[in-house]
Every structure is written in structure tokens, then in C-alpha cells.
Amino acid sequence: CGGIVVKGSADGMLQTFQIDLSKIPQGIKRLVFSAT
């Protein structure tokens, strides 16, 4: 949907996600961010 985009390292962050909640389909109710 283009509502979740990995931006990579930015502004001192290891990883940054750009999130446009207006694009998230109704079937997606949770966005869980994880690290391994």
C-alpha cells in the first residue's frame, strides 16, 4: 500500500520507518516494530 517504508539509517537512527496511516488498509490493525 506504500504506507510503510523503510528509510534506513537517518538522523542518527539505526533504522527509520516512514508511516502514512492514511494508506494502511482496514485489514491491518497493528504495526509491530521489532529488532533481532
Full PDB file with SEQRES, HELIX, SHEET, SSBOND, CRYST1, ORIGX, SCALE, CONECT and MASTER records, all heavy atoms in Angstrom:
SEQRES   1 A   36  CYS GLY GLY ILE VAL VAL LYS GLY SER ALA ASP GLY MET          
SEQRES   2 A   36  LEU GLN THR PHE GLN ILE ASP LEU SER LYS ILE PRO GLN          
SEQRES   3 A   36  GLY ILE LYS ARG LEU VAL PHE SER ALA THR                      
HELIX    1 AA1 LEU A   21  LYS A   23  5                                   3    
SHEET    1 AA1 2 ILE A   4  GLY A   8  0                                        
SHEET    2 AA1 2 THR A  16  ILE A  19 -1                                        
CRYST1    1.000    1.000    1.000  90.00  90.00  90.00 P 1           1          
ORIGX1      1.000000  0.000000  0.000000        0.00000                         
ORIGX2      0.000000  1.000000  0.000000        0.00000                         
ORIGX3      0.000000  0.000000  1.000000        0.00000                         
SCALE1      1.000000  0.000000  0.000000        0.00000                         
SCALE2      0.000000  1.000000  0.000000        0.00000                         
SCALE3      0.000000  0.000000  1.000000        0.00000                         
ATOM      1  N   CYS A   1       0.816  -1.216   0.000  1.00  0.00           N  
ATOM      2  CA  CYS A   1       0.000   0.000   0.000  1.00  0.00           C  
ATOM      3  C   CYS A   1       0.852   1.269   0.000  1.00  0.00           C  
ATOM      4  O   CYS A   1       0.331   2.366  -0.225  1.00  0.00           O  
ATOM      5  CB  CYS A   1      -0.917   0.003   1.214  1.00  0.00           C  
ATOM      6  SG  CYS A   1      -0.026   0.102   2.796  1.00  0.00           S  
ATOM      7  N   GLY A   2       2.152   1.135   0.272  1.00  0.00           N  
ATOM      8  CA  GLY A   2       3.033   2.293   0.364  1.00  0.00           C  
ATOM      9  C   GLY A   2       2.944   3.012   1.686  1.00  0.00           C  
ATOM     10  O   GLY A   2       3.585   4.048   1.876  1.00  0.00           O  
ATOM     11  N   GLY A   3       2.175   2.455   2.639  1.00  0.00           N  
ATOM     12  CA  GLY A   3       2.017   3.118   3.927  1.00  0.00           C  
ATOM     13  C   GLY A   3       3.137   2.864   4.907  1.00  0.00           C  
ATOM     14  O   GLY A   3       3.243   3.556   5.926  1.00  0.00           O  
ATOM     15  N   ILE A   4       3.993   1.861   4.633  1.00  0.00           N  
ATOM     16  CA  ILE A   4       5.141   1.560   5.491  1.00  0.00           C  
ATOM     17  C   ILE A   4       6.370   1.488   4.601  1.00  0.00           C  
ATOM     18  O   ILE A   4       6.430   0.648   3.690  1.00  0.00           O  
ATOM     19  CB  ILE A   4       4.972   0.218   6.225  1.00  0.00           C  
ATOM     20  CG1 ILE A   4       3.585   0.108   6.860  1.00  0.00           C  
ATOM     21  CG2 ILE A   4       6.062   0.040   7.279  1.00  0.00           C  
ATOM     22  CD1 ILE A   4       3.239  -1.296   7.299  1.00  0.00           C  
ATOM     23  N   VAL A   5       7.331   2.344   4.846  1.00  0.00           N  
ATOM     24  CA  VAL A   5       8.535   2.406   4.007  1.00  0.00           C  
ATOM     25  C   VAL A   5       9.759   2.447   4.900  1.00  0.00           C  
ATOM     26  O   VAL A   5       9.846   3.247   5.826  1.00  0.00           O  
ATOM     27  CB  VAL A   5       8.525   3.650   3.093  1.00  0.00           C  
ATOM     28  CG1 VAL A   5       9.788   3.697   2.240  1.00  0.00           C  
ATOM     29  CG2 VAL A   5       7.279   3.653   2.204  1.00  0.00           C  
ATOM     30  N   VAL A   6      10.718   1.561   4.622  1.00  0.00           N  
ATOM     31  CA  VAL A   6      11.998   1.584   5.326  1.00  0.00           C  
ATOM     32  C   VAL A   6      12.851   2.717   4.772  1.00  0.00           C  
ATOM     33  O   VAL A   6      13.138   2.758   3.573  1.00  0.00           O  
ATOM     34  CB  VAL A   6      12.742   0.245   5.163  1.00  0.00           C  
ATOM     35  CG1 VAL A   6      14.146   0.349   5.739  1.00  0.00           C  
ATOM     36  CG2 VAL A   6      11.983  -0.869   5.858  1.00  0.00           C  
ATOM     37  N   LYS A   7      13.244   3.628   5.615  1.00  0.00           N  
ATOM     38  CA  LYS A   7      14.082   4.756   5.194  1.00  0.00           C  
ATOM     39  C   LYS A   7      15.563   4.505   5.449  1.00  0.00           C  
ATOM     40  O   LYS A   7      16.413   5.236   4.967  1.00  0.00           O  
ATOM     41  CB  LYS A   7      13.638   6.026   5.913  1.00  0.00           C  
ATOM     42  CG  LYS A   7      12.244   6.507   5.546  1.00  0.00           C  
ATOM     43  CD  LYS A   7      11.873   7.774   6.300  1.00  0.00           C  
ATOM     44  CE  LYS A   7      12.761   8.937   5.948  1.00  0.00           C  
ATOM     45  NZ  LYS A   7      12.344  10.187   6.642  1.00  0.00           N  
ATOM     46  N   GLY A   8      15.867   3.471   6.243  1.00  0.00           N  
ATOM     47  CA  GLY A   8      17.260   3.193   6.553  1.00  0.00           C  
ATOM     48  C   GLY A   8      17.782   4.082   7.657  1.00  0.00           C  
ATOM     49  O   GLY A   8      17.026   4.703   8.406  1.00  0.00           O  
ATOM     50  N   SER A   9      19.099   4.167   7.759  1.00  0.00           N  
ATOM     51  CA  SER A   9      19.715   4.999   8.796  1.00  0.00           C  
ATOM     52  C   SER A   9      19.476   6.474   8.478  1.00  0.00           C  
ATOM     53  O   SER A   9      19.807   6.944   7.395  1.00  0.00           O  
ATOM     54  CB  SER A   9      21.214   4.715   8.872  1.00  0.00           C  
ATOM     55  OG  SER A   9      21.443   3.361   9.190  1.00  0.00           O  
ATOM     56  N   ALA A  10      18.879   7.183   9.420  1.00  0.00           N  
ATOM     57  CA  ALA A  10      18.600   8.602   9.229  1.00  0.00           C  
ATOM     58  C   ALA A  10      18.528   9.286  10.580  1.00  0.00           C  
ATOM     59  O   ALA A  10      18.021   8.720  11.540  1.00  0.00           O  
ATOM     60  CB  ALA A  10      17.276   8.795   8.468  1.00  0.00           C  
ATOM     61  N   ASP A  11      19.058  10.502  10.627  1.00  0.00           N  
ATOM     62  CA  ASP A  11      19.003  11.316  11.848  1.00  0.00           C  
ATOM     63  C   ASP A  11      19.568  10.584  13.062  1.00  0.00           C  
ATOM     64  O   ASP A  11      19.032  10.667  14.171  1.00  0.00           O  
ATOM     65  CB  ASP A  11      17.565  11.755  12.126  1.00  0.00           C  
ATOM     66  CG  ASP A  11      16.976  12.589  10.998  1.00  0.00           C  
ATOM     67  OD1 ASP A  11      17.743  13.348  10.377  1.00  0.00           O  
ATOM     68  OD2 ASP A  11      15.773  12.462  10.731  1.00  0.00           O  
ATOM     69  N   GLY A  12      20.645   9.830  12.855  1.00  0.00           N  
ATOM     70  CA  GLY A  12      21.293   9.137  13.960  1.00  0.00           C  
ATOM     71  C   GLY A  12      20.630   7.838  14.356  1.00  0.00           C  
ATOM     72  O   GLY A  12      21.061   7.195  15.319  1.00  0.00           O  
ATOM     73  N   MET A  13      19.605   7.415  13.631  1.00  0.00           N  
ATOM     74  CA  MET A  13      18.896   6.187  13.950  1.00  0.00           C  
ATOM     75  C   MET A  13      19.500   5.001  13.199  1.00  0.00           C  
ATOM     76  O   MET A  13      19.985   5.143  12.075  1.00  0.00           O  
ATOM     77  CB  MET A  13      17.412   6.305  13.574  1.00  0.00           C  
ATOM     78  CG  MET A  13      16.668   7.381  14.338  1.00  0.00           C  
ATOM     79  SD  MET A  13      16.512   6.974  16.097  1.00  0.00           S  
ATOM     80  CE  MET A  13      15.686   8.422  16.718  1.00  0.00           C  
ATOM     81  N   LEU A  14      19.440   3.822  13.826  1.00  0.00           N  
ATOM     82  CA  LEU A  14      19.864   2.600  13.148  1.00  0.00           C  
ATOM     83  C   LEU A  14      18.929   2.286  12.000  1.00  0.00           C  
ATOM     84  O   LEU A  14      19.347   1.888  10.917  1.00  0.00           O  
ATOM     85  CB  LEU A  14      19.885   1.440  14.147  1.00  0.00           C  
ATOM     86  CG  LEU A  14      20.108   0.037  13.569  1.00  0.00           C  
ATOM     87  CD1 LEU A  14      21.506  -0.080  12.990  1.00  0.00           C  
ATOM     88  CD2 LEU A  14      19.877  -1.012  14.656  1.00  0.00           C  
ATOM     89  N   GLN A  15      17.629   2.458  12.216  1.00  0.00           N  
ATOM     90  CA  GLN A  15      16.618   2.227  11.193  1.00  0.00           C  
ATOM     91  C   GLN A  15      15.448   3.166  11.426  1.00  0.00           C  
ATOM     92  O   GLN A  15      15.065   3.419  12.575  1.00  0.00           O  
ATOM     93  CB  GLN A  15      16.134   0.778  11.238  1.00  0.00           C  
ATOM     94  CG  GLN A  15      15.186   0.372  10.121  1.00  0.00           C  
ATOM     95  CD  GLN A  15      15.868   0.398   8.771  1.00  0.00           C  
ATOM     96  OE1 GLN A  15      15.955   1.453   8.147  1.00  0.00           O  
ATOM     97  NE2 GLN A  15      16.358  -0.744   8.331  1.00  0.00           N  
ATOM     98  N   THR A  16      14.893   3.692  10.363  1.00  0.00           N  
ATOM     99  CA  THR A  16      13.736   4.569  10.445  1.00  0.00           C  
ATOM    100  C   THR A  16      12.669   4.094   9.480  1.00  0.00           C  
ATOM    101  O   THR A  16      12.966   3.730   8.347  1.00  0.00           O  
ATOM    102  CB  THR A  16      14.116   6.029  10.132  1.00  0.00           C  
ATOM    103  OG1 THR A  16      15.119   6.480  11.048  1.00  0.00           O  
ATOM    104  CG2 THR A  16      12.903   6.940  10.235  1.00  0.00           C  
ATOM    105  N   PHE A  17      11.417   4.088   9.938  1.00  0.00           N  
ATOM    106  CA  PHE A  17      10.280   3.741   9.107  1.00  0.00           C  
ATOM    107  C   PHE A  17       9.428   4.987   8.890  1.00  0.00           C  
ATOM    108  O   PHE A  17       9.126   5.716   9.836  1.00  0.00           O  
ATOM    109  CB  PHE A  17       9.418   2.667   9.775  1.00  0.00           C  
ATOM    110  CG  PHE A  17      10.099   1.341   9.914  1.00  0.00           C  
ATOM    111  CD1 PHE A  17      10.912   1.075  11.012  1.00  0.00           C  
ATOM    112  CD2 PHE A  17       9.938   0.344   8.962  1.00  0.00           C  
ATOM    113  CE1 PHE A  17      11.550  -0.144  11.167  1.00  0.00           C  
ATOM    114  CE2 PHE A  17      10.563  -0.879   9.099  1.00  0.00           C  
ATOM    115  CZ  PHE A  17      11.375  -1.127  10.203  1.00  0.00           C  
ATOM    116  N   GLN A  18       9.024   5.188   7.655  1.00  0.00           N  
ATOM    117  CA  GLN A  18       8.091   6.259   7.332  1.00  0.00           C  
ATOM    118  C   GLN A  18       6.704   5.627   7.229  1.00  0.00           C  
ATOM    119  O   GLN A  18       6.506   4.669   6.474  1.00  0.00           O  
ATOM    120  CB  GLN A  18       8.474   6.914   6.009  1.00  0.00           C  
ATOM    121  CG  GLN A  18       7.672   8.158   5.669  1.00  0.00           C  
ATOM    122  CD  GLN A  18       8.193   8.796   4.394  1.00  0.00           C  
ATOM    123  OE1 GLN A  18       8.230   8.174   3.343  1.00  0.00           O  
ATOM    124  NE2 GLN A  18       8.607  10.049   4.499  1.00  0.00           N  
ATOM    125  N   ILE A  19       5.754   6.147   7.984  1.00  0.00           N  
ATOM    126  CA  ILE A  19       4.440   5.522   8.094  1.00  0.00           C  
ATOM    127  C   ILE A  19       3.369   6.532   7.714  1.00  0.00           C  
ATOM    128  O   ILE A  19       3.261   7.598   8.340  1.00  0.00           O  
ATOM    129  CB  ILE A  19       4.188   5.017   9.530  1.00  0.00           C  
ATOM    130  CG1 ILE A  19       5.321   4.093   9.976  1.00  0.00           C  
ATOM    131  CG2 ILE A  19       2.850   4.301   9.629  1.00  0.00           C  
ATOM    132  CD1 ILE A  19       5.645   4.221  11.432  1.00  0.00           C  
ATOM    133  N   ASP A  20       2.581   6.198   6.704  1.00  0.00           N  
ATOM    134  CA  ASP A  20       1.441   7.014   6.314  1.00  0.00           C  
ATOM    135  C   ASP A  20       0.190   6.228   6.670  1.00  0.00           C  
ATOM    136  O   ASP A  20      -0.228   5.323   5.940  1.00  0.00           O  
ATOM    137  CB  ASP A  20       1.484   7.324   4.815  1.00  0.00           C  
ATOM    138  CG  ASP A  20       0.395   8.314   4.392  1.00  0.00           C  
ATOM    139  OD1 ASP A  20      -0.540   8.533   5.184  1.00  0.00           O  
ATOM    140  OD2 ASP A  20       0.492   8.860   3.274  1.00  0.00           O  
ATOM    141  N   LEU A  21      -0.403   6.539   7.811  1.00  0.00           N  
ATOM    142  CA  LEU A  21      -1.535   5.764   8.307  1.00  0.00           C  
ATOM    143  C   LEU A  21      -2.764   5.876   7.407  1.00  0.00           C  
ATOM    144  O   LEU A  21      -3.647   5.014   7.453  1.00  0.00           O  
ATOM    145  CB  LEU A  21      -1.876   6.202   9.726  1.00  0.00           C  
ATOM    146  CG  LEU A  21      -0.819   5.854  10.789  1.00  0.00           C  
ATOM    147  CD1 LEU A  21      -1.210   6.442  12.137  1.00  0.00           C  
ATOM    148  CD2 LEU A  21      -0.631   4.349  10.900  1.00  0.00           C  
ATOM    149  N   SER A  22      -2.836   6.909   6.575  1.00  0.00           N  
ATOM    150  CA  SER A  22      -3.971   7.050   5.662  1.00  0.00           C  
ATOM    151  C   SER A  22      -3.957   5.988   4.575  1.00  0.00           C  
ATOM    152  O   SER A  22      -4.989   5.728   3.942  1.00  0.00           O  
ATOM    153  CB  SER A  22      -3.979   8.439   5.028  1.00  0.00           C  
ATOM    154  OG  SER A  22      -2.875   8.603   4.140  1.00  0.00           O  
ATOM    155  N   LYS A  23      -2.806   5.370   4.348  1.00  0.00           N  
ATOM    156  CA  LYS A  23      -2.678   4.354   3.307  1.00  0.00           C  
ATOM    157  C   LYS A  23      -2.822   2.928   3.829  1.00  0.00           C  
ATOM    158  O   LYS A  23      -2.918   1.988   3.032  1.00  0.00           O  
ATOM    159  CB  LYS A  23      -1.318   4.489   2.597  1.00  0.00           C  
ATOM    160  CG  LYS A  23      -1.147   5.791   1.834  1.00  0.00           C  
ATOM    161  CD  LYS A  23       0.210   5.823   1.140  1.00  0.00           C  
ATOM    162  CE  LYS A  23       0.393   7.111   0.340  1.00  0.00           C  
ATOM    163  NZ  LYS A  23       1.723   7.144  -0.339  1.00  0.00           N  
ATOM    164  N   ILE A  24      -2.798   2.762   5.123  1.00  0.00           N  
ATOM    165  CA  ILE A  24      -2.878   1.417   5.694  1.00  0.00           C  
ATOM    166  C   ILE A  24      -4.278   0.851   5.475  1.00  0.00           C  
ATOM    167  O   ILE A  24      -5.266   1.476   5.856  1.00  0.00           O  
ATOM    168  CB  ILE A  24      -2.545   1.438   7.199  1.00  0.00           C  
ATOM    169  CG1 ILE A  24      -1.156   2.042   7.435  1.00  0.00           C  
ATOM    170  CG2 ILE A  24      -2.631   0.035   7.784  1.00  0.00           C  
ATOM    171  CD1 ILE A  24      -0.025   1.284   6.792  1.00  0.00           C  
ATOM    172  N   PRO A  25      -4.399  -0.330   4.859  1.00  0.00           N  
ATOM    173  CA  PRO A  25      -5.738  -0.896   4.615  1.00  0.00           C  
ATOM    174  C   PRO A  25      -6.442  -1.271   5.907  1.00  0.00           C  
ATOM    175  O   PRO A  25      -5.811  -1.479   6.948  1.00  0.00           O  
ATOM    176  CB  PRO A  25      -5.443  -2.129   3.751  1.00  0.00           C  
ATOM    177  CG  PRO A  25      -4.031  -2.484   4.061  1.00  0.00           C  
ATOM    178  CD  PRO A  25      -3.327  -1.191   4.335  1.00  0.00           C  
ATOM    179  N   GLN A  26      -7.763  -1.373   5.818  1.00  0.00           N  
ATOM    180  CA  GLN A  26      -8.555  -1.634   7.023  1.00  0.00           C  
ATOM    181  C   GLN A  26      -8.237  -2.987   7.643  1.00  0.00           C  
ATOM    182  O   GLN A  26      -8.438  -3.179   8.846  1.00  0.00           O  
ATOM    183  CB  GLN A  26     -10.044  -1.550   6.686  1.00  0.00           C  
ATOM    184  CG  GLN A  26     -10.511  -0.150   6.360  1.00  0.00           C  
ATOM    185  CD  GLN A  26     -12.022  -0.071   6.162  1.00  0.00           C  
ATOM    186  OE1 GLN A  26     -12.709  -1.083   6.177  1.00  0.00           O  
ATOM    187  NE2 GLN A  26     -12.524   1.140   5.968  1.00  0.00           N  
ATOM    188  N   GLY A  27      -7.751  -3.921   6.842  1.00  0.00           N  
ATOM    189  CA  GLY A  27      -7.435  -5.247   7.374  1.00  0.00           C  
ATOM    190  C   GLY A  27      -6.204  -5.284   8.247  1.00  0.00           C  
ATOM    191  O   GLY A  27      -5.975  -6.269   8.967  1.00  0.00           O  
ATOM    192  N   ILE A  28      -5.388  -4.239   8.221  1.00  0.00           N  
ATOM    193  CA  ILE A  28      -4.181  -4.169   9.055  1.00  0.00           C  
ATOM    194  C   ILE A  28      -4.495  -3.326  10.283  1.00  0.00           C  
ATOM    195  O   ILE A  28      -4.793  -2.133  10.181  1.00  0.00           O  
ATOM    196  CB  ILE A  28      -2.993  -3.570   8.279  1.00  0.00           C  
ATOM    197  CG1 ILE A  28      -2.701  -4.397   7.029  1.00  0.00           C  
ATOM    198  CG2 ILE A  28      -1.765  -3.479   9.171  1.00  0.00           C  
ATOM    199  CD1 ILE A  28      -2.255  -5.807   7.303  1.00  0.00           C  
ATOM    200  N   LYS A  29      -4.422  -3.952  11.460  1.00  0.00           N  
ATOM    201  CA  LYS A  29      -4.803  -3.287  12.701  1.00  0.00           C  
ATOM    202  C   LYS A  29      -3.628  -2.987  13.624  1.00  0.00           C  
ATOM    203  O   LYS A  29      -3.758  -2.204  14.557  1.00  0.00           O  
ATOM    204  CB  LYS A  29      -5.824  -4.144  13.461  1.00  0.00           C  
ATOM    205  CG  LYS A  29      -7.110  -4.407  12.694  1.00  0.00           C  
ATOM    206  CD  LYS A  29      -7.860  -3.115  12.383  1.00  0.00           C  
ATOM    207  CE  LYS A  29      -9.207  -3.399  11.723  1.00  0.00           C  
ATOM    208  NZ  LYS A  29      -9.927  -2.160  11.381  1.00  0.00           N  
ATOM    209  N   ARG A  30      -2.486  -3.639  13.404  1.00  0.00           N  
ATOM    210  CA  ARG A  30      -1.323  -3.432  14.264  1.00  0.00           C  
ATOM    211  C   ARG A  30      -0.054  -3.372  13.427  1.00  0.00           C  
ATOM    212  O   ARG A  30       0.138  -4.191  12.517  1.00  0.00           O  
ATOM    213  CB  ARG A  30      -1.173  -4.563  15.293  1.00  0.00           C  
ATOM    214  CG  ARG A  30      -2.280  -4.647  16.331  1.00  0.00           C  
ATOM    215  CD  ARG A  30      -2.131  -5.911  17.159  1.00  0.00           C  
ATOM    216  NE  ARG A  30      -0.853  -5.982  17.870  1.00  0.00           N  
ATOM    217  CZ  ARG A  30      -0.335  -7.098  18.381  1.00  0.00           C  
ATOM    218  NH1 ARG A  30      -0.993  -8.245  18.252  1.00  0.00           N  
ATOM    219  NH2 ARG A  30       0.818  -7.067  19.022  1.00  0.00           N  
ATOM    220  N   LEU A  31       0.807  -2.434  13.736  1.00  0.00           N  
ATOM    221  CA  LEU A  31       2.150  -2.359  13.157  1.00  0.00           C  
ATOM    222  C   LEU A  31       3.127  -2.575  14.304  1.00  0.00           C  
ATOM    223  O   LEU A  31       3.266  -1.716  15.181  1.00  0.00           O  
ATOM    224  CB  LEU A  31       2.384  -1.001  12.492  1.00  0.00           C  
ATOM    225  CG  LEU A  31       1.377  -0.570  11.417  1.00  0.00           C  
ATOM    226  CD1 LEU A  31       1.767   0.797  10.859  1.00  0.00           C  
ATOM    227  CD2 LEU A  31       1.279  -1.598  10.305  1.00  0.00           C  
ATOM    228  N   VAL A  32       3.773  -3.733  14.306  1.00  0.00           N  
ATOM    229  CA  VAL A  32       4.682  -4.094  15.390  1.00  0.00           C  
ATOM    230  C   VAL A  32       6.116  -3.954  14.902  1.00  0.00           C  
ATOM    231  O   VAL A  32       6.509  -4.580  13.909  1.00  0.00           O  
ATOM    232  CB  VAL A  32       4.412  -5.529  15.874  1.00  0.00           C  
ATOM    233  CG1 VAL A  32       5.405  -5.906  16.970  1.00  0.00           C  
ATOM    234  CG2 VAL A  32       2.981  -5.665  16.383  1.00  0.00           C  
ATOM    235  N   PHE A  33       6.906  -3.163  15.587  1.00  0.00           N  
ATOM    236  CA  PHE A  33       8.293  -2.899  15.216  1.00  0.00           C  
ATOM    237  C   PHE A  33       9.207  -3.717  16.118  1.00  0.00           C  
ATOM    238  O   PHE A  33       9.105  -3.667  17.345  1.00  0.00           O  
ATOM    239  CB  PHE A  33       8.585  -1.404  15.323  1.00  0.00           C  
ATOM    240  CG  PHE A  33       7.709  -0.588  14.415  1.00  0.00           C  
ATOM    241  CD1 PHE A  33       6.476  -0.125  14.861  1.00  0.00           C  
ATOM    242  CD2 PHE A  33       8.088  -0.321  13.118  1.00  0.00           C  
ATOM    243  CE1 PHE A  33       5.640   0.602  14.025  1.00  0.00           C  
ATOM    244  CE2 PHE A  33       7.259   0.412  12.268  1.00  0.00           C  
ATOM    245  CZ  PHE A  33       6.038   0.874  12.726  1.00  0.00           C  
ATOM    246  N   SER A  34      10.100  -4.488  15.491  1.00  0.00           N  
ATOM    247  CA  SER A  34      10.905  -5.466  16.222  1.00  0.00           C  
ATOM    248  C   SER A  34      12.366  -5.366  15.820  1.00  0.00           C  
ATOM    249  O   SER A  34      12.709  -4.846  14.759  1.00  0.00           O  
ATOM    250  CB  SER A  34      10.393  -6.890  15.944  1.00  0.00           C  
ATOM    251  OG  SER A  34       9.009  -6.991  16.218  1.00  0.00           O  
ATOM    252  N   ALA A  35      13.211  -5.905  16.694  1.00  0.00           N  
ATOM    253  CA  ALA A  35      14.649  -5.969  16.427  1.00  0.00           C  
ATOM    254  C   ALA A  35      15.161  -7.360  16.768  1.00  0.00           C  
ATOM    255  O   ALA A  35      14.694  -7.984  17.732  1.00  0.00           O  
ATOM    256  CB  ALA A  35      15.399  -4.916  17.254  1.00  0.00           C  
ATOM    257  N   THR A  36      16.099  -7.871  15.974  1.00  0.00           N  
ATOM    258  CA  THR A  36      16.713  -9.173  16.223  1.00  0.00           C  
ATOM    259  C   THR A  36      18.225  -9.040  16.135  1.00  0.00           C  
ATOM    260  O   THR A  36      18.753  -8.170  15.444  1.00  0.00           O  
ATOM    261  CB  THR A  36      16.235 -10.226  15.201  1.00  0.00           C  
ATOM    262  OG1 THR A  36      16.591  -9.801  13.870  1.00  0.00           O  
ATOM    263  CG2 THR A  36      14.734 -10.418  15.266  1.00  0.00           C  
TER     264      THR A  36                                                      
MASTER        0    0    0    1    2    0    0    6  263    1    0    3          
END                                                                             
